[in-house]
Amino acid sequence: MDTKRIPCTPRANTAEHPPDEARHSRGIAIATNRLAEIKKLSPGCYSVPASKSSAAYVVTVRPVEACSCEDSLRTGNRCKHRHAVRYMLKKSGVCEGCGVRHWNEYLFEVADSLTYFEGDMICSGCAADTASETA
């Protein structure tokens, strides 16, 4: 029997297999609410907290995007953890002063400083420390 010609029926959207839009919005929620808990393990590799337990999953963004969660392994779809990392990388940056990841809207570009290079992005705390050094 030639199985290549048998059409594959898509999985029903259930709580275990949410549609892609739900995965995307859940990923944004993880990134937004738990940014400090998403940790860089190595270049292109992050630890992302599970939304319903104390577990964490390993997400790689390069060389191949993948996640260690069951949803991603079973379906091959982009899971909420992968969406969380993609959103975090797009909307946040690391402060050159303290090394903490902040949303881009809370980072400031250095124009003139004896401590940082022009163009470095720093948080308000590090910016205040720089301002107090020059005062």
N, C-alpha and C. Protein backbone atom coordinates (compact mmCIF):
# COMPACT_ATOMS: atom_id res chain seq x y z
N MET A 1 0.84 -1.18 0.00
CA MET A 1 0.00 0.00 0.00
C MET A 1 0.88 1.24 0.00
N ASP A 2 0.61 2.15 -0.90
CA ASP A 2 1.39 3.38 -1.02
C ASP A 2 0.81 4.44 -0.08
N THR A 3 1.51 4.70 1.03
CA THR A 3 0.99 5.65 2.02
C THR A 3 1.24 7.09 1.63
N LYS A 4 2.06 7.34 0.64
CA LYS A 4 2.35 8.71 0.22
C LYS A 4 1.12 9.39 -0.37
N ARG A 5 0.18 8.60 -0.87
CA ARG A 5 -0.99 9.17 -1.51
C ARG A 5 -2.18 9.34 -0.58
N ILE A 6 -2.05 8.83 0.65
CA ILE A 6 -3.15 8.96 1.60
C ILE A 6 -3.08 10.36 2.21
N PRO A 7 -4.17 11.13 2.09
CA PRO A 7 -4.13 12.49 2.65
C PRO A 7 -4.06 12.46 4.17
N CYS A 8 -3.28 13.34 4.70
CA CYS A 8 -3.12 13.45 6.14
C CYS A 8 -4.18 14.41 6.67
N THR A 9 -4.93 13.97 7.66
CA THR A 9 -5.94 14.85 8.24
C THR A 9 -5.29 15.70 9.32
N PRO A 10 -5.55 17.00 9.30
CA PRO A 10 -4.93 17.86 10.30
C PRO A 10 -5.50 17.57 11.69
N ARG A 11 -4.68 17.81 12.70
CA ARG A 11 -5.13 17.62 14.08
C ARG A 11 -6.18 18.67 14.43
N ALA A 12 -7.10 18.28 15.25
CA ALA A 12 -8.11 19.23 15.72
C ALA A 12 -7.45 20.20 16.69
N ASN A 13 -7.91 21.43 16.70
CA ASN A 13 -7.39 22.40 17.64
C ASN A 13 -8.02 22.13 19.01
N THR A 14 -7.19 21.73 19.94
CA THR A 14 -7.62 21.46 21.31
C THR A 14 -6.71 22.21 22.25
N ALA A 15 -6.93 22.04 23.54
CA ALA A 15 -6.06 22.68 24.53
C ALA A 15 -4.63 22.19 24.37
N GLU A 16 -4.46 20.90 24.00
CA GLU A 16 -3.12 20.35 23.80
C GLU A 16 -2.51 20.80 22.48
N HIS A 17 -3.34 21.09 21.50
CA HIS A 17 -2.87 21.48 20.17
C HIS A 17 -3.56 22.77 19.75
N PRO A 18 -3.17 23.90 20.36
CA PRO A 18 -3.83 25.16 20.01
C PRO A 18 -3.46 25.62 18.61
N PRO A 19 -4.28 26.47 18.01
CA PRO A 19 -3.93 27.01 16.69
C PRO A 19 -2.72 27.93 16.79
N ASP A 20 -2.09 28.20 15.66
CA ASP A 20 -0.86 29.00 15.64
C ASP A 20 -1.06 30.38 16.27
N GLU A 21 -2.22 31.00 16.08
CA GLU A 21 -2.46 32.33 16.66
C GLU A 21 -2.41 32.26 18.19
N ALA A 22 -2.94 31.19 18.76
CA ALA A 22 -2.92 31.03 20.22
C ALA A 22 -1.50 30.81 20.71
N ARG A 23 -0.72 30.01 19.99
CA ARG A 23 0.68 29.81 20.37
C ARG A 23 1.43 31.14 20.35
N HIS A 24 1.17 31.93 19.33
CA HIS A 24 1.84 33.23 19.19
C HIS A 24 1.48 34.14 20.36
N SER A 25 0.21 34.27 20.67
CA SER A 25 -0.20 35.17 21.75
C SER A 25 0.27 34.65 23.11
N ARG A 26 0.28 33.35 23.31
CA ARG A 26 0.79 32.79 24.56
C ARG A 26 2.29 33.03 24.69
N GLY A 27 3.00 32.95 23.57
CA GLY A 27 4.44 33.23 23.59
C GLY A 27 4.73 34.68 23.95
N ILE A 28 3.95 35.59 23.39
CA ILE A 28 4.12 37.01 23.73
C ILE A 28 3.84 37.23 25.21
N ALA A 29 2.84 36.55 25.74
CA ALA A 29 2.52 36.67 27.17
C ALA A 29 3.67 36.18 28.03
N ILE A 30 4.29 35.07 27.66
CA ILE A 30 5.44 34.56 28.42
C ILE A 30 6.57 35.59 28.38
N ALA A 31 6.88 36.10 27.20
CA ALA A 31 7.97 37.08 27.07
C ALA A 31 7.66 38.36 27.84
N THR A 32 6.43 38.82 27.76
CA THR A 32 6.05 40.07 28.41
C THR A 32 6.04 39.95 29.93
N ASN A 33 5.48 38.88 30.44
CA ASN A 33 5.31 38.72 31.89
C ASN A 33 6.52 38.12 32.60
N ARG A 34 7.37 37.42 31.84
CA ARG A 34 8.45 36.68 32.50
C ARG A 34 9.80 36.91 31.81
N LEU A 35 10.01 38.12 31.32
CA LEU A 35 11.24 38.46 30.59
C LEU A 35 12.49 38.11 31.39
N ALA A 36 12.51 38.42 32.67
CA ALA A 36 13.69 38.18 33.50
C ALA A 36 14.00 36.69 33.67
N GLU A 37 13.01 35.83 33.44
CA GLU A 37 13.21 34.38 33.59
C GLU A 37 13.71 33.71 32.32
N ILE A 38 13.71 34.42 31.20
CA ILE A 38 14.25 33.86 29.96
C ILE A 38 15.74 34.11 29.98
N LYS A 39 16.51 33.04 30.07
CA LYS A 39 17.95 33.15 30.24
C LYS A 39 18.70 32.66 29.01
N LYS A 40 19.74 33.39 28.66
CA LYS A 40 20.60 32.98 27.56
C LYS A 40 21.56 31.91 28.09
N LEU A 41 21.55 30.75 27.47
CA LEU A 41 22.41 29.65 27.88
C LEU A 41 23.73 29.67 27.12
N SER A 42 23.63 29.99 25.84
CA SER A 42 24.79 30.09 24.95
C SER A 42 24.32 30.86 23.72
N PRO A 43 25.23 31.21 22.81
CA PRO A 43 24.76 31.94 21.63
C PRO A 43 23.68 31.17 20.88
N GLY A 44 22.52 31.80 20.73
CA GLY A 44 21.40 31.19 20.01
C GLY A 44 20.62 30.16 20.79
N CYS A 45 20.85 30.06 22.10
CA CYS A 45 20.19 29.05 22.93
C CYS A 45 19.68 29.70 24.22
N TYR A 46 18.40 29.48 24.54
CA TYR A 46 17.76 30.13 25.68
C TYR A 46 16.96 29.14 26.51
N SER A 47 16.84 29.43 27.79
CA SER A 47 15.98 28.69 28.70
C SER A 47 14.71 29.51 28.88
N VAL A 48 13.56 28.90 28.61
CA VAL A 48 12.28 29.60 28.69
C VAL A 48 11.40 28.89 29.71
N PRO A 49 10.82 29.64 30.66
CA PRO A 49 9.98 28.99 31.67
C PRO A 49 8.69 28.43 31.07
N ALA A 50 8.26 27.32 31.63
CA ALA A 50 6.97 26.75 31.26
C ALA A 50 5.89 27.65 31.85
N SER A 51 4.75 27.70 31.19
CA SER A 51 3.69 28.59 31.67
C SER A 51 2.87 27.97 32.81
N LYS A 52 2.85 26.65 32.92
CA LYS A 52 1.98 26.01 33.91
C LYS A 52 2.73 25.18 34.95
N SER A 53 4.05 25.25 34.96
CA SER A 53 4.82 24.50 35.95
C SER A 53 6.13 25.24 36.21
N SER A 54 6.95 24.66 37.06
CA SER A 54 8.23 25.28 37.36
C SER A 54 9.33 24.82 36.40
N ALA A 55 8.95 24.04 35.41
CA ALA A 55 9.92 23.54 34.43
C ALA A 55 10.38 24.66 33.50
N ALA A 56 11.42 24.38 32.77
CA ALA A 56 11.90 25.30 31.74
C ALA A 56 12.27 24.47 30.51
N TYR A 57 12.16 25.09 29.35
CA TYR A 57 12.46 24.41 28.09
C TYR A 57 13.63 25.09 27.42
N VAL A 58 14.38 24.33 26.66
CA VAL A 58 15.51 24.87 25.93
C VAL A 58 15.06 25.20 24.52
N VAL A 59 15.25 26.46 24.14
CA VAL A 59 14.88 26.92 22.81
C VAL A 59 16.15 27.35 22.09
N THR A 60 16.35 26.84 20.90
CA THR A 60 17.47 27.29 20.07
C THR A 60 16.90 28.09 18.90
N VAL A 61 17.58 29.15 18.54
CA VAL A 61 17.14 29.96 17.41
C VAL A 61 18.09 29.82 16.22
N ARG A 62 19.28 29.33 16.48
CA ARG A 62 20.20 29.05 15.39
C ARG A 62 21.19 27.98 15.84
N PRO A 63 21.63 27.16 14.99
CA PRO A 63 21.47 27.19 13.54
C PRO A 63 20.08 26.74 13.08
N VAL A 64 19.38 25.95 13.91
CA VAL A 64 18.03 25.51 13.58
C VAL A 64 17.12 25.88 14.75
N GLU A 65 15.96 26.46 14.44
CA GLU A 65 15.02 26.83 15.49
C GLU A 65 14.33 25.58 16.01
N ALA A 66 14.37 25.39 17.34
CA ALA A 66 13.76 24.20 17.95
C ALA A 66 13.46 24.48 19.42
N CYS A 67 12.61 23.64 20.01
CA CYS A 67 12.28 23.72 21.43
C CYS A 67 12.18 22.31 21.97
N SER A 68 12.50 22.16 23.25
CA SER A 68 12.46 20.84 23.88
C SER A 68 11.09 20.47 24.44
N CYS A 69 10.07 21.34 24.27
CA CYS A 69 8.74 21.03 24.79
C CYS A 69 8.05 19.97 23.94
N GLU A 70 7.06 19.30 24.55
CA GLU A 70 6.33 18.23 23.86
C GLU A 70 5.61 18.72 22.62
N ASP A 71 5.00 19.90 22.71
CA ASP A 71 4.23 20.44 21.57
C ASP A 71 5.13 20.58 20.35
N SER A 72 6.29 21.16 20.54
CA SER A 72 7.21 21.38 19.43
C SER A 72 7.76 20.06 18.90
N LEU A 73 8.12 19.17 19.81
CA LEU A 73 8.68 17.87 19.39
C LEU A 73 7.64 17.02 18.67
N ARG A 74 6.39 17.06 19.14
CA ARG A 74 5.34 16.22 18.56
C ARG A 74 4.83 16.77 17.23
N THR A 75 4.56 18.07 17.19
CA THR A 75 3.92 18.63 16.01
C THR A 75 4.90 19.26 15.02
N GLY A 76 6.05 19.68 15.51
CA GLY A 76 7.00 20.38 14.64
C GLY A 76 6.64 21.83 14.42
N ASN A 77 5.51 22.27 14.99
CA ASN A 77 5.09 23.66 14.85
C ASN A 77 5.90 24.56 15.77
N ARG A 78 5.87 25.84 15.49
CA ARG A 78 6.53 26.81 16.36
C ARG A 78 5.67 26.94 17.62
N CYS A 79 6.22 26.53 18.75
CA CYS A 79 5.49 26.55 20.01
C CYS A 79 5.54 27.93 20.66
N LYS A 80 4.81 28.08 21.77
CA LYS A 80 4.76 29.36 22.47
C LYS A 80 6.13 29.76 23.02
N HIS A 81 6.97 28.78 23.36
CA HIS A 81 8.30 29.09 23.89
C HIS A 81 9.20 29.69 22.79
N ARG A 82 9.08 29.14 21.59
CA ARG A 82 9.83 29.69 20.46
C ARG A 82 9.32 31.08 20.10
N HIS A 83 8.00 31.27 20.15
CA HIS A 83 7.44 32.61 19.91
C HIS A 83 7.94 33.59 20.96
N ALA A 84 8.03 33.14 22.23
CA ALA A 84 8.49 34.01 23.31
C ALA A 84 9.92 34.49 23.05
N VAL A 85 10.79 33.59 22.64
CA VAL A 85 12.18 33.97 22.38
C VAL A 85 12.27 34.91 21.18
N ARG A 86 11.55 34.61 20.13
CA ARG A 86 11.57 35.49 18.94
C ARG A 86 11.08 36.89 19.28
N TYR A 87 10.01 36.99 20.07
CA TYR A 87 9.47 38.29 20.48
C TYR A 87 10.47 39.03 21.37
N MET A 88 11.06 38.31 22.32
CA MET A 88 12.03 38.91 23.22
C MET A 88 13.22 39.47 22.45
N LEU A 89 13.74 38.71 21.51
CA LEU A 89 14.90 39.17 20.74
C LEU A 89 14.57 40.38 19.88
N LYS A 90 13.34 40.44 19.40
CA LYS A 90 12.93 41.54 18.54
C LYS A 90 12.66 42.82 19.33
N LYS A 91 12.12 42.70 20.54
CA LYS A 91 11.62 43.86 21.28
C LYS A 91 12.47 44.26 22.49
N SER A 92 13.60 43.58 22.72
CA SER A 92 14.40 43.92 23.89
C SER A 92 15.88 43.92 23.54
N GLY A 93 16.66 44.42 24.49
CA GLY A 93 18.10 44.46 24.32
C GLY A 93 18.78 44.36 25.67
N VAL A 94 20.08 44.13 25.65
CA VAL A 94 20.85 43.99 26.88
C VAL A 94 21.56 45.30 27.16
N CYS A 95 21.43 45.78 28.40
CA CYS A 95 22.09 47.01 28.82
C CYS A 95 23.60 46.78 28.83
N GLU A 96 24.34 47.69 28.22
CA GLU A 96 25.80 47.58 28.18
C GLU A 96 26.43 47.81 29.55
N GLY A 97 25.67 48.42 30.48
CA GLY A 97 26.20 48.70 31.80
C GLY A 97 26.04 47.54 32.76
N CYS A 98 24.81 47.10 32.97
CA CYS A 98 24.54 46.07 33.98
C CYS A 98 24.38 44.67 33.39
N GLY A 99 24.20 44.57 32.07
CA GLY A 99 24.06 43.26 31.44
C GLY A 99 22.68 42.65 31.56
N VAL A 100 21.71 43.42 32.05
CA VAL A 100 20.35 42.92 32.22
C VAL A 100 19.54 43.24 30.96
N ARG A 101 18.69 42.29 30.56
CA ARG A 101 17.84 42.50 29.39
C ARG A 101 16.65 43.37 29.77
N HIS A 102 16.40 44.40 28.94
CA HIS A 102 15.28 45.33 29.14
C HIS A 102 14.53 45.47 27.82
N TRP A 103 13.27 45.88 27.91
CA TRP A 103 12.53 46.20 26.70
C TRP A 103 13.20 47.40 26.04
N ASN A 104 13.23 47.43 24.72
CA ASN A 104 13.90 48.51 23.99
C ASN A 104 13.44 49.90 24.40
N GLU A 105 12.18 50.04 24.75
CA GLU A 105 11.65 51.35 25.11
C GLU A 105 12.26 51.87 26.41
N TYR A 106 12.92 51.02 27.18
CA TYR A 106 13.55 51.44 28.44
C TYR A 106 15.06 51.54 28.33
N LEU A 107 15.59 51.41 27.14
CA LEU A 107 17.02 51.57 26.91
C LEU A 107 17.29 52.91 26.24
N PHE A 108 18.41 53.51 26.59
CA PHE A 108 18.78 54.82 26.05
C PHE A 108 20.12 54.71 25.34
N GLU A 109 20.22 55.41 24.22
CA GLU A 109 21.47 55.40 23.46
C GLU A 109 22.43 56.42 24.06
N VAL A 110 23.65 56.01 24.29
CA VAL A 110 24.69 56.88 24.85
C VAL A 110 25.18 57.83 23.77
N ALA A 111 25.19 59.11 24.09
CA ALA A 111 25.68 60.11 23.14
C ALA A 111 27.07 60.61 23.57
N ASP A 112 27.23 60.92 24.85
CA ASP A 112 28.49 61.48 25.33
C ASP A 112 28.75 60.95 26.72
N SER A 113 29.79 60.14 26.88
CA SER A 113 30.06 59.54 28.18
C SER A 113 31.52 59.16 28.26
N LEU A 114 32.06 59.23 29.47
CA LEU A 114 33.42 58.76 29.71
C LEU A 114 33.43 57.26 30.03
N THR A 115 32.26 56.72 30.35
CA THR A 115 32.15 55.32 30.77
C THR A 115 31.79 54.38 29.61
N TYR A 116 30.93 54.85 28.72
CA TYR A 116 30.42 53.99 27.64
C TYR A 116 30.83 54.55 26.28
N PHE A 117 30.73 53.71 25.28
CA PHE A 117 30.99 54.14 23.91
C PHE A 117 29.75 54.81 23.33
N GLU A 118 29.95 55.74 22.44
CA GLU A 118 28.83 56.37 21.76
C GLU A 118 28.04 55.30 21.01
N GLY A 119 26.72 55.31 21.18
CA GLY A 119 25.86 54.32 20.53
C GLY A 119 25.51 53.14 21.41
N ASP A 120 26.21 52.96 22.56
CA ASP A 120 25.84 51.89 23.48
C ASP A 120 24.43 52.13 23.98
N MET A 121 23.73 51.04 24.29
CA MET A 121 22.38 51.13 24.84
C MET A 121 22.46 50.78 26.31
N ILE A 122 21.94 51.70 27.16
CA ILE A 122 21.98 51.47 28.60
C ILE A 122 20.61 51.73 29.21
N CYS A 123 20.37 51.12 30.37
CA CYS A 123 19.10 51.29 31.07
C CYS A 123 19.12 52.58 31.87
N SER A 124 17.98 52.95 32.42
CA SER A 124 17.88 54.21 33.16
C SER A 124 18.74 54.20 34.41
N GLY A 125 18.89 53.06 35.07
CA GLY A 125 19.75 52.97 36.25
C GLY A 125 21.19 53.25 35.93
N CYS A 126 21.68 52.66 34.85
CA CYS A 126 23.07 52.90 34.43
C CYS A 126 23.25 54.32 33.90
N ALA A 127 22.21 54.85 33.25
CA ALA A 127 22.27 56.23 32.77
C ALA A 127 22.35 57.18 33.96
N ALA A 128 21.60 56.91 35.04
CA ALA A 128 21.63 57.76 36.23
C ALA A 128 23.00 57.68 36.90
N ASP A 129 23.61 56.50 36.93
CA ASP A 129 24.95 56.37 37.50
C ASP A 129 25.97 57.16 36.71
N THR A 130 25.83 57.15 35.38
CA THR A 130 26.73 57.92 34.51
C THR A 130 26.56 59.40 34.73
N ALA A 131 25.31 59.83 34.89
CA ALA A 131 25.05 61.26 35.11
C ALA A 131 25.61 61.72 36.44
N SER A 132 25.57 60.86 37.47
CA SER A 132 26.10 61.24 38.78
C SER A 132 27.62 61.29 38.77
N GLU A 133 28.27 60.53 37.87
CA GLU A 133 29.73 60.58 37.77
C GLU A 133 30.20 61.92 37.23
N THR A 134 29.42 62.50 36.32
CA THR A 134 29.83 63.76 35.70
C THR A 134 29.40 64.98 36.51
N ALA A 135 28.54 64.76 37.49
CA ALA A 135 28.03 65.91 38.29
C ALA A 135 29.01 66.32 39.36
